Amino acid sequence: MTTWSKFDTHFAGVSVDTLLEAARPTADAHFVMATSKTGYTTNLPLEDVTGGKAWVVYEYDGSPLPPEHGGPARLFVPHLYFWKSAKWVRELVLQQHDDPGFWEQNGYHLHGDPF
């Protein structure tokens, strides 16, 4: 899809499943809004961040995640091309409705579909 893909990288972090288990969301939560320290937002359906599909990562290839790549922590959603992997993640807010994030407010696809 892009010309900047990099293979064989390793991240370490906490599964979003683990975070949600601790938060115990209500049954009416179907979406999550990730907000960055900068105010950047990205929206995701819960099914895109559960079942081992997403993490909040803090290490890249065995070292702390550098600030230019979103450290100290960033959302990592590899099946959505890093489009939805917000850097400098500050909070994950559970929502009933799919509110558009930054790129989606600017005309991009709500689910990160590049086509």
Protein backbone atom coordinates (compact mmCIF):
# COMPACT_ATOMS: atom_id res chain seq x y z
CA MET A 1 0.00 0.00 0.00
CA THR A 2 2.77 2.44 0.82
CA THR A 3 6.42 2.73 -0.01
CA TRP A 4 7.59 2.98 3.60
CA SER A 5 6.61 -0.47 4.92
CA LYS A 6 9.16 -2.18 7.16
CA PHE A 7 9.12 -5.91 7.83
CA ASP A 8 10.42 -8.00 10.77
CA THR A 9 9.89 -5.41 13.49
CA HIS A 10 9.03 -6.29 17.08
CA PHE A 11 6.94 -4.31 19.52
CA ALA A 12 6.25 -4.88 23.23
CA GLY A 13 3.30 -3.52 25.14
CA VAL A 14 -0.06 -4.22 26.71
CA SER A 15 -2.90 -5.78 24.77
CA VAL A 16 -5.99 -3.60 24.51
CA ASP A 17 -7.87 -6.73 25.63
CA THR A 18 -6.00 -6.56 28.94
CA LEU A 19 -6.80 -2.87 29.37
CA LEU A 20 -10.48 -3.44 28.60
CA GLU A 21 -10.63 -6.34 31.03
CA ALA A 22 -9.43 -4.01 33.78
CA ALA A 23 -11.83 -1.23 32.70
CA ARG A 24 -14.85 -3.54 32.45
CA PRO A 25 -16.73 -1.64 29.70
CA THR A 26 -20.52 -1.62 29.61
CA ALA A 27 -22.36 -3.64 26.99
CA ASP A 28 -23.36 -0.48 25.09
CA ALA A 29 -19.74 0.45 24.26
CA HIS A 30 -19.03 -0.51 20.64
CA PHE A 31 -16.27 1.96 19.69
CA VAL A 32 -13.10 3.42 21.12
CA MET A 33 -11.62 6.87 20.53
CA ALA A 34 -7.86 7.10 21.04
CA THR A 35 -6.57 10.57 21.94
CA SER A 36 -2.95 11.63 21.71
CA LYS A 37 -1.04 14.08 23.87
CA THR A 38 -1.19 16.44 20.86
CA GLY A 39 -5.00 16.26 20.61
CA TYR A 40 -4.92 13.96 17.58
CA THR A 41 -7.79 11.45 17.67
CA THR A 42 -8.58 8.21 15.90
CA ASN A 43 -11.78 6.17 16.07
CA LEU A 44 -12.03 2.39 16.01
CA PRO A 45 -14.77 -0.22 16.37
CA LEU A 46 -14.11 -2.46 19.39
CA GLU A 47 -13.82 -5.48 17.09
CA ASP A 48 -10.70 -3.86 15.57
CA VAL A 49 -8.93 -3.55 18.93
CA THR A 50 -10.02 -6.78 20.66
CA GLY A 51 -9.17 -10.43 20.08
CA GLY A 52 -5.42 -9.75 20.10
CA LYS A 53 -5.59 -7.22 17.26
CA ALA A 54 -4.27 -4.10 19.06
CA TRP A 55 -1.85 -3.05 21.79
CA VAL A 56 -0.54 0.02 23.54
CA VAL A 57 3.18 -0.41 22.87
CA TYR A 58 6.16 1.07 24.67
CA GLU A 59 9.08 -0.84 23.09
CA TYR A 60 10.30 -1.19 19.53
CA ASP A 61 12.91 -3.85 18.66
CA GLY A 62 13.90 -4.25 22.32
CA SER A 63 14.37 -0.54 23.13
CA PRO A 64 12.01 2.08 24.54
CA LEU A 65 9.79 3.50 21.82
CA PRO A 66 11.46 6.76 20.75
CA PRO A 67 9.43 10.00 20.88
CA GLU A 68 9.55 10.48 17.10
CA HIS A 69 7.74 7.16 16.73
CA GLY A 70 5.14 7.85 19.41
CA GLY A 71 6.99 7.09 22.65
CA PRO A 72 6.54 6.69 25.46
CA ALA A 73 3.40 4.83 24.28
CA ARG A 74 1.44 4.50 21.07
CA LEU A 75 -1.54 2.54 19.93
CA PHE A 76 -0.54 -0.32 17.63
CA VAL A 77 -3.20 -1.64 15.23
CA PRO A 78 -1.17 -3.38 12.50
CA HIS A 79 -4.09 -4.59 10.38
CA LEU A 80 -5.10 -0.95 9.78
CA TYR A 81 -1.77 0.16 8.27
CA PHE A 82 -0.65 2.30 11.24
CA TRP A 83 -3.28 4.83 10.10
CA LYS A 84 -5.19 4.10 13.27
CA SER A 85 -2.07 3.64 15.45
CA ALA A 86 -2.09 6.97 17.29
CA LYS A 87 1.27 8.20 18.56
CA TRP A 88 1.74 9.58 22.11
CA VAL A 89 -1.53 7.94 23.17
CA ARG A 90 -2.99 9.54 26.27
CA GLU A 91 -6.37 7.87 26.61
CA LEU A 92 -8.77 5.36 25.12
CA VAL A 93 -12.41 6.39 25.53
CA LEU A 94 -15.16 3.83 25.09
CA GLN A 95 -18.18 5.12 23.17
CA GLN A 96 -21.60 4.00 22.01
CA HIS A 97 -21.28 5.73 18.62
CA ASP A 98 -18.56 5.95 15.99
CA ASP A 99 -17.44 9.58 16.15
CA PRO A 100 -14.91 10.49 13.44
CA GLY A 101 -11.30 11.01 14.45
CA PHE A 102 -8.88 13.59 13.01
CA TRP A 103 -8.42 12.10 9.52
CA GLU A 104 -12.04 11.03 9.27
CA GLN A 105 -13.18 14.60 10.03
CA ASN A 106 -11.03 15.59 7.05
CA GLY A 107 -12.67 13.24 4.56
CA TYR A 108 -10.87 9.93 5.07
CA HIS A 109 -12.65 6.59 5.39
CA LEU A 110 -14.04 5.86 8.88
CA HIS A 111 -12.47 2.40 9.00
CA GLY A 112 -9.06 3.19 7.52
CA ASP A 113 -9.79 1.67 4.13
CA PRO A 114 -7.19 3.18 1.74
CA PHE A 115 -9.15 2.17 -1.35
